[in-house]
């Protein structure tokens, strides 16, 4: 079975085209002012035009308010909204009620197996989950920090929702991460960069080739 890949934090045409050409199934665009991968909704809208139909767009947001979610939908209209903040199951339920057209990927910050167990709270309100390493204490970003967690705690994990493995993945370790976790979808950002926010087409190609 083909492992699905999400290339996240795309900011330019070179990265978008490389992700599509290499066979990515998802392209992520981060709207978070503190991130080196931040891109405006208008910028994401323009890059989305470069995506072939089979590549789904993802808008990565952190604790968005309803007014901003309306702007995301009207300007960018992504296929998925990834919530990467401290959004609760109650908040996801509110978003689903107010914006029934939104498909949600909920990022779950993982430090131990207990965090995997707690993710069950989102089963009824999310469309997909993304298991990312909990950020270091001194981190300023909720994700994209290039750190990983113990992939083996996901081995044998049974979930009714599709889920991504994320956090510290690179072309060198992604094959092992899949073997240890059983992940069918993986997400990468800093692991395919030559500098913060600057994607490498060669690393994107190597990463996706390694998942095959």
C-alpha atoms as a PDB file:
ATOM      1  CA  UNK A   1       0.000   0.000   0.000  1.00  0.00           C
ATOM      2  CA  UNK A   2       1.296   3.467  -0.911  1.00  0.00           C
ATOM      3  CA  UNK A   3       2.166   5.700   2.014  1.00  0.00           C
ATOM      4  CA  UNK A   4       0.480   9.073   1.645  1.00  0.00           C
ATOM      5  CA  UNK A   5       2.698  12.099   2.151  1.00  0.00           C
ATOM      6  CA  UNK A   6       1.966  15.650   3.256  1.00  0.00           C
ATOM      7  CA  UNK A   7       4.613  18.263   2.546  1.00  0.00           C
ATOM      8  CA  UNK A   8       3.900  21.052   5.004  1.00  0.00           C
ATOM      9  CA  UNK A   9       5.044  24.641   5.316  1.00  0.00           C
ATOM     10  CA  UNK A  10       5.185  25.371   1.595  1.00  0.00           C
ATOM     11  CA  UNK A  11       5.892  29.010   0.769  1.00  0.00           C
ATOM     12  CA  UNK A  12       6.922  29.156  -2.894  1.00  0.00           C
ATOM     13  CA  UNK A  13       6.220  27.724  -6.322  1.00  0.00           C
ATOM     14  CA  UNK A  14       9.414  25.645  -6.350  1.00  0.00           C
ATOM     15  CA  UNK A  15       8.347  23.765  -3.232  1.00  0.00           C
ATOM     16  CA  UNK A  16       4.782  23.278  -4.414  1.00  0.00           C
ATOM     17  CA  UNK A  17       5.855  22.019  -7.822  1.00  0.00           C
ATOM     18  CA  UNK A  18       8.431  19.684  -6.290  1.00  0.00           C
ATOM     19  CA  UNK A  19       5.874  18.209  -3.882  1.00  0.00           C
ATOM     20  CA  UNK A  20       3.384  17.603  -6.693  1.00  0.00           C
ATOM     21  CA  UNK A  21       5.980  16.172  -9.084  1.00  0.00           C
ATOM     22  CA  UNK A  22       7.346  13.788  -6.458  1.00  0.00           C
ATOM     23  CA  UNK A  23       3.910  12.394  -5.695  1.00  0.00           C
ATOM     24  CA  UNK A  24       2.715  14.086  -2.509  1.00  0.00           C
ATOM     25  CA  UNK A  25      -0.988  13.709  -1.747  1.00  0.00           C
ATOM     26  CA  UNK A  26      -1.262  16.757   0.544  1.00  0.00           C
ATOM     27  CA  UNK A  27       0.272  20.243   0.484  1.00  0.00           C
ATOM     28  CA  UNK A  28       0.273  22.256   3.703  1.00  0.00           C
ATOM     29  CA  UNK A  29       0.341  26.045   4.028  1.00  0.00           C
ATOM     30  CA  UNK A  30       0.994  27.554   7.450  1.00  0.00           C
ATOM     31  CA  UNK A  31      -0.718  30.695   8.644  1.00  0.00           C
ATOM     32  CA  UNK A  32       1.095  31.518  11.875  1.00  0.00           C
ATOM     33  CA  UNK A  33       2.955  34.819  12.162  1.00  0.00           C
ATOM     34  CA  UNK A  34       5.744  33.443  14.387  1.00  0.00           C
ATOM     35  CA  UNK A  35       6.607  30.681  11.943  1.00  0.00           C
ATOM     36  CA  UNK A  36       9.341  30.986   9.290  1.00  0.00           C
ATOM     37  CA  UNK A  37       6.859  29.091   7.100  1.00  0.00           C
ATOM     38  CA  UNK A  38       4.077  31.648   7.499  1.00  0.00           C
ATOM     39  CA  UNK A  39       2.246  32.549   4.329  1.00  0.00           C
ATOM     40  CA  UNK A  40      -0.691  34.889   3.799  1.00  0.00           C
ATOM     41  CA  UNK A  41      -4.061  33.517   2.756  1.00  0.00           C
ATOM     42  CA  UNK A  42      -3.685  35.338  -0.556  1.00  0.00           C
ATOM     43  CA  UNK A  43      -0.276  33.802  -1.097  1.00  0.00           C
ATOM     44  CA  UNK A  44      -1.572  30.339  -0.279  1.00  0.00           C
ATOM     45  CA  UNK A  45      -4.457  30.873  -2.680  1.00  0.00           C
ATOM     46  CA  UNK A  46      -2.049  31.607  -5.528  1.00  0.00           C
ATOM     47  CA  UNK A  47       0.153  28.589  -4.773  1.00  0.00           C
ATOM     48  CA  UNK A  48      -2.911  26.361  -4.519  1.00  0.00           C
ATOM     49  CA  UNK A  49      -3.538  27.092  -8.218  1.00  0.00           C
ATOM     50  CA  UNK A  50      -0.342  25.173  -9.022  1.00  0.00           C
ATOM     51  CA  UNK A  51      -1.575  21.974  -7.406  1.00  0.00           C
ATOM     52  CA  UNK A  52      -2.890  19.160  -9.607  1.00  0.00           C
ATOM     53  CA  UNK A  53      -6.377  17.963  -8.741  1.00  0.00           C
ATOM     54  CA  UNK A  54      -5.151  14.900  -6.865  1.00  0.00           C
ATOM     55  CA  UNK A  55      -3.121  16.952  -4.356  1.00  0.00           C
ATOM     56  CA  UNK A  56      -5.248  18.275  -1.515  1.00  0.00           C
ATOM     57  CA  UNK A  57      -4.532  21.614   0.113  1.00  0.00           C
ATOM     58  CA  UNK A  58      -4.285  22.043   3.880  1.00  0.00           C
ATOM     59  CA  UNK A  59      -4.419  25.331   5.796  1.00  0.00           C
ATOM     60  CA  UNK A  60      -2.481  24.972   9.058  1.00  0.00           C
ATOM     61  CA  UNK A  61      -3.868  27.245  11.773  1.00  0.00           C
ATOM     62  CA  UNK A  62      -3.327  27.758  15.494  1.00  0.00           C
ATOM     63  CA  UNK A  63      -6.389  28.387  17.681  1.00  0.00           C
ATOM     64  CA  UNK A  64      -8.298  30.301  14.967  1.00  0.00           C
ATOM     65  CA  UNK A  65     -11.337  32.419  15.803  1.00  0.00           C
ATOM     66  CA  UNK A  66     -14.553  32.125  13.804  1.00  0.00           C
ATOM     67  CA  UNK A  67     -13.990  35.410  11.961  1.00  0.00           C
ATOM     68  CA  UNK A  68     -10.632  34.205  10.723  1.00  0.00           C
ATOM     69  CA  UNK A  69     -11.998  30.806   9.737  1.00  0.00           C
ATOM     70  CA  UNK A  70     -14.535  32.639   7.572  1.00  0.00           C
ATOM     71  CA  UNK A  71     -11.677  34.488   5.883  1.00  0.00           C
ATOM     72  CA  UNK A  72      -9.782  31.239   5.332  1.00  0.00           C
ATOM     73  CA  UNK A  73     -12.796  29.717   3.648  1.00  0.00           C
ATOM     74  CA  UNK A  74     -13.621  32.732   1.499  1.00  0.00           C
ATOM     75  CA  UNK A  75     -10.047  33.535   0.391  1.00  0.00           C
ATOM     76  CA  UNK A  76      -8.150  30.234   0.373  1.00  0.00           C
ATOM     77  CA  UNK A  77     -10.888  27.566   0.537  1.00  0.00           C
ATOM     78  CA  UNK A  78      -8.540  24.675   1.444  1.00  0.00           C
ATOM     79  CA  UNK A  79      -9.545  21.034   1.230  1.00  0.00           C
ATOM     80  CA  UNK A  80      -8.647  20.624   4.911  1.00  0.00           C
ATOM     81  CA  UNK A  81      -8.044  22.864   7.900  1.00  0.00           C
ATOM     82  CA  UNK A  82      -5.345  21.561  10.241  1.00  0.00           C
ATOM     83  CA  UNK A  83      -5.764  22.783  13.808  1.00  0.00           C
ATOM     84  CA  UNK A  84      -2.350  22.814  15.452  1.00  0.00           C
ATOM     85  CA  UNK A  85      -3.032  24.682  18.668  1.00  0.00           C
ATOM     86  CA  UNK A  86      -4.762  23.884  21.937  1.00  0.00           C
ATOM     87  CA  UNK A  87      -8.210  23.438  20.374  1.00  0.00           C
ATOM     88  CA  UNK A  88     -10.465  21.241  22.528  1.00  0.00           C
ATOM     89  CA  UNK A  89     -13.021  18.675  21.343  1.00  0.00           C
ATOM     90  CA  UNK A  90     -15.707  21.199  22.275  1.00  0.00           C
ATOM     91  CA  UNK A  91     -14.069  23.814  20.058  1.00  0.00           C
ATOM     92  CA  UNK A  92     -13.886  21.375  17.137  1.00  0.00           C
ATOM     93  CA  UNK A  93     -17.563  20.598  17.598  1.00  0.00           C
ATOM     94  CA  UNK A  94     -18.374  24.325  17.478  1.00  0.00           C
ATOM     95  CA  UNK A  95     -16.374  24.711  14.269  1.00  0.00           C
ATOM     96  CA  UNK A  96     -18.158  21.751  12.697  1.00  0.00           C
ATOM     97  CA  UNK A  97     -21.532  23.265  13.551  1.00  0.00           C
ATOM     98  CA  UNK A  98     -20.690  26.753  12.275  1.00  0.00           C
ATOM     99  CA  UNK A  99     -18.655  25.625   9.248  1.00  0.00           C
ATOM    100  CA  UNK A 100     -20.018  22.227   8.183  1.00  0.00           C
ATOM    101  CA  UNK A 101     -18.036  22.417   4.940  1.00  0.00           C
ATOM    102  CA  UNK A 102     -14.712  22.365   6.804  1.00  0.00           C
ATOM    103  CA  UNK A 103     -12.832  19.074   7.025  1.00  0.00           C
ATOM    104  CA  UNK A 104     -10.579  19.067  10.082  1.00  0.00           C
ATOM    105  CA  UNK A 105      -7.181  17.529  10.707  1.00  0.00           C
ATOM    106  CA  UNK A 106      -6.503  17.807  14.448  1.00  0.00           C
ATOM    107  CA  UNK A 107      -2.868  17.821  15.497  1.00  0.00           C
ATOM    108  CA  UNK A 108      -2.200  15.921  18.725  1.00  0.00           C
ATOM    109  CA  UNK A 109       1.014  16.743  20.583  1.00  0.00           C
ATOM    110  CA  UNK A 110       2.645  13.520  21.748  1.00  0.00           C
ATOM    111  CA  UNK A 111       5.108  13.004  24.584  1.00  0.00           C
ATOM    112  CA  UNK A 112       3.893   9.627  25.847  1.00  0.00           C
ATOM    113  CA  UNK A 113       1.385   6.858  25.155  1.00  0.00           C
ATOM    114  CA  UNK A 114      -1.095   8.716  27.354  1.00  0.00           C
ATOM    115  CA  UNK A 115      -1.367  11.428  24.695  1.00  0.00           C
ATOM    116  CA  UNK A 116      -2.297   8.778  22.121  1.00  0.00           C
ATOM    117  CA  UNK A 117      -5.020   7.513  24.430  1.00  0.00           C
ATOM    118  CA  UNK A 118      -6.344  11.045  25.032  1.00  0.00           C
ATOM    119  CA  UNK A 119      -6.717  11.555  21.278  1.00  0.00           C
ATOM    120  CA  UNK A 120      -9.882   9.469  21.465  1.00  0.00           C
ATOM    121  CA  UNK A 121     -11.646  12.651  22.553  1.00  0.00           C
ATOM    122  CA  UNK A 122     -11.376  13.898  18.969  1.00  0.00           C
ATOM    123  CA  UNK A 123     -12.713  10.820  17.202  1.00  0.00           C
ATOM    124  CA  UNK A 124     -16.231  12.241  16.827  1.00  0.00           C
ATOM    125  CA  UNK A 125     -15.280  15.790  15.847  1.00  0.00           C
ATOM    126  CA  UNK A 126     -12.250  15.473  13.542  1.00  0.00           C
ATOM    127  CA  UNK A 127     -11.896  13.995  10.067  1.00  0.00           C
ATOM    128  CA  UNK A 128      -8.237  13.071  10.497  1.00  0.00           C
ATOM    129  CA  UNK A 129      -5.616  13.161  13.239  1.00  0.00           C
ATOM    130  CA  UNK A 130      -1.958  14.126  13.084  1.00  0.00           C
ATOM    131  CA  UNK A 131       0.386  12.862  15.790  1.00  0.00           C
ATOM    132  CA  UNK A 132       3.229  15.339  16.209  1.00  0.00           C
ATOM    133  CA  UNK A 133       5.992  15.478  18.791  1.00  0.00           C
ATOM    134  CA  UNK A 134       5.234  17.741  21.722  1.00  0.00           C
ATOM    135  CA  UNK A 135       7.365  20.879  21.305  1.00  0.00           C
ATOM    136  CA  UNK A 136      10.408  21.387  23.546  1.00  0.00           C
ATOM    137  CA  UNK A 137       9.844  23.636  26.562  1.00  0.00           C
ATOM    138  CA  UNK A 138      11.830  26.471  24.988  1.00  0.00           C
ATOM    139  CA  UNK A 139      10.144  26.182  21.580  1.00  0.00           C
ATOM    140  CA  UNK A 140       8.263  29.139  20.139  1.00  0.00           C
ATOM    141  CA  UNK A 141       6.406  27.064  17.543  1.00  0.00           C
ATOM    142  CA  UNK A 142       3.620  24.527  18.201  1.00  0.00           C
ATOM    143  CA  UNK A 143       5.031  22.324  15.415  1.00  0.00           C
ATOM    144  CA  UNK A 144       7.788  22.170  12.817  1.00  0.00           C
ATOM    145  CA  UNK A 145      10.498  21.935  15.478  1.00  0.00           C
ATOM    146  CA  UNK A 146      12.298  18.963  13.964  1.00  0.00           C
ATOM    147  CA  UNK A 147      11.863  16.729  17.017  1.00  0.00           C
ATOM    148  CA  UNK A 148      10.296  13.280  17.154  1.00  0.00           C
ATOM    149  CA  UNK A 149       8.708  10.988  19.723  1.00  0.00           C
ATOM    150  CA  UNK A 150       8.909   7.236  20.288  1.00  0.00           C
ATOM    151  CA  UNK A 151       7.210   5.909  17.148  1.00  0.00           C
ATOM    152  CA  UNK A 152       6.756   2.469  18.658  1.00  0.00           C
ATOM    153  CA  UNK A 153       3.972   3.700  20.959  1.00  0.00           C
ATOM    154  CA  UNK A 154       1.758   3.837  17.855  1.00  0.00           C
ATOM    155  CA  UNK A 155       2.447   0.233  16.886  1.00  0.00           C
ATOM    156  CA  UNK A 156      -0.840  -1.676  16.766  1.00  0.00           C
ATOM    157  CA  UNK A 157      -2.788   1.553  17.322  1.00  0.00           C
ATOM    158  CA  UNK A 158      -6.397   1.196  16.213  1.00  0.00           C
ATOM    159  CA  UNK A 159      -8.220   4.372  15.233  1.00  0.00           C
ATOM    160  CA  UNK A 160     -11.443   4.942  13.282  1.00  0.00           C
ATOM    161  CA  UNK A 161      -9.908   8.010  11.621  1.00  0.00           C
ATOM    162  CA  UNK A 162      -7.059   8.265   9.121  1.00  0.00           C
ATOM    163  CA  UNK A 163      -3.942   9.623  10.845  1.00  0.00           C
ATOM    164  CA  UNK A 164      -0.575  11.136  10.012  1.00  0.00           C
ATOM    165  CA  UNK A 165       2.748  10.601  11.739  1.00  0.00           C
ATOM    166  CA  UNK A 166       4.726  13.810  12.080  1.00  0.00           C
ATOM    167  CA  UNK A 167       7.656  15.263  13.956  1.00  0.00           C
ATOM    168  CA  UNK A 168      11.347  15.046  13.113  1.00  0.00           C
ATOM    169  CA  UNK A 169      10.876  12.996   9.956  1.00  0.00           C
ATOM    170  CA  UNK A 170      13.600  13.096   7.299  1.00  0.00           C
ATOM    171  CA  UNK A 171      14.486  11.198   4.117  1.00  0.00           C
ATOM    172  CA  UNK A 172      16.901   9.162   6.260  1.00  0.00           C
ATOM    173  CA  UNK A 173      14.462   8.050   8.977  1.00  0.00           C
ATOM    174  CA  UNK A 174      11.000   8.052   7.412  1.00  0.00           C
ATOM    175  CA  UNK A 175      11.199   4.419   6.299  1.00  0.00           C
ATOM    176  CA  UNK A 176      12.036   3.334   9.859  1.00  0.00           C
ATOM    177  CA  UNK A 177       9.307   5.573  11.302  1.00  0.00           C
ATOM    178  CA  UNK A 178       6.719   3.838   9.118  1.00  0.00           C
ATOM    179  CA  UNK A 179       8.015   0.398  10.081  1.00  0.00           C
ATOM    180  CA  UNK A 180       7.928   1.178  13.797  1.00  0.00           C
ATOM    181  CA  UNK A 181       4.607   3.041  13.932  1.00  0.00           C
ATOM    182  CA  UNK A 182       2.575   1.413  11.183  1.00  0.00           C
ATOM    183  CA  UNK A 183       1.724   4.847   9.808  1.00  0.00           C
ATOM    184  CA  UNK A 184      -0.024   4.957   6.449  1.00  0.00           C
ATOM    185  CA  UNK A 185       0.349   8.736   6.163  1.00  0.00           C
ATOM    186  CA  UNK A 186       3.341  10.906   7.070  1.00  0.00           C
ATOM    187  CA  UNK A 187       3.857  14.643   7.348  1.00  0.00           C
ATOM    188  CA  UNK A 188       7.149  16.502   6.926  1.00  0.00           C
ATOM    189  CA  UNK A 189       8.215  20.127   7.079  1.00  0.00           C
ATOM    190  CA  UNK A 190      11.654  20.991   8.485  1.00  0.00           C
ATOM    191  CA  UNK A 191      13.035  17.603   7.427  1.00  0.00           C
ATOM    192  CA  UNK A 192      12.995  18.645   3.761  1.00  0.00           C
ATOM    193  CA  UNK A 193      14.422  22.131   4.225  1.00  0.00           C
ATOM    194  CA  UNK A 194      17.870  23.550   3.548  1.00  0.00           C
ATOM    195  CA  UNK A 195      17.126  26.436   5.943  1.00  0.00           C
ATOM    196  CA  UNK A 196      14.147  27.439   8.073  1.00  0.00           C
ATOM    197  CA  UNK A 197      11.192  27.781   5.714  1.00  0.00           C
ATOM    198  CA  UNK A 198      13.185  27.020   2.544  1.00  0.00           C
ATOM    199  CA  UNK A 199      12.173  23.692   1.016  1.00  0.00           C
ATOM    200  CA  UNK A 200      14.612  21.654  -1.040  1.00  0.00           C
ATOM    201  CA  UNK A 201      13.122  19.993  -4.134  1.00  0.00           C
ATOM    202  CA  UNK A 202      15.842  17.342  -3.902  1.00  0.00           C
ATOM    203  CA  UNK A 203      15.006  16.534  -0.266  1.00  0.00           C
ATOM    204  CA  UNK A 204      11.279  16.444  -1.047  1.00  0.00           C
ATOM    205  CA  UNK A 205      11.947  13.961  -3.828  1.00  0.00           C
ATOM    206  CA  UNK A 206      14.206  11.869  -1.578  1.00  0.00           C
ATOM    207  CA  UNK A 207      11.672  11.867   1.245  1.00  0.00           C
ATOM    208  CA  UNK A 208       8.785  10.689  -0.899  1.00  0.00           C
ATOM    209  CA  UNK A 209      10.984   8.115  -2.647  1.00  0.00           C
ATOM    210  CA  UNK A 210      11.962   6.721   0.766  1.00  0.00           C
ATOM    211  CA  UNK A 211       8.304   6.194   1.709  1.00  0.00           C
ATOM    212  CA  UNK A 212       7.846   3.915  -1.312  1.00  0.00           C
END
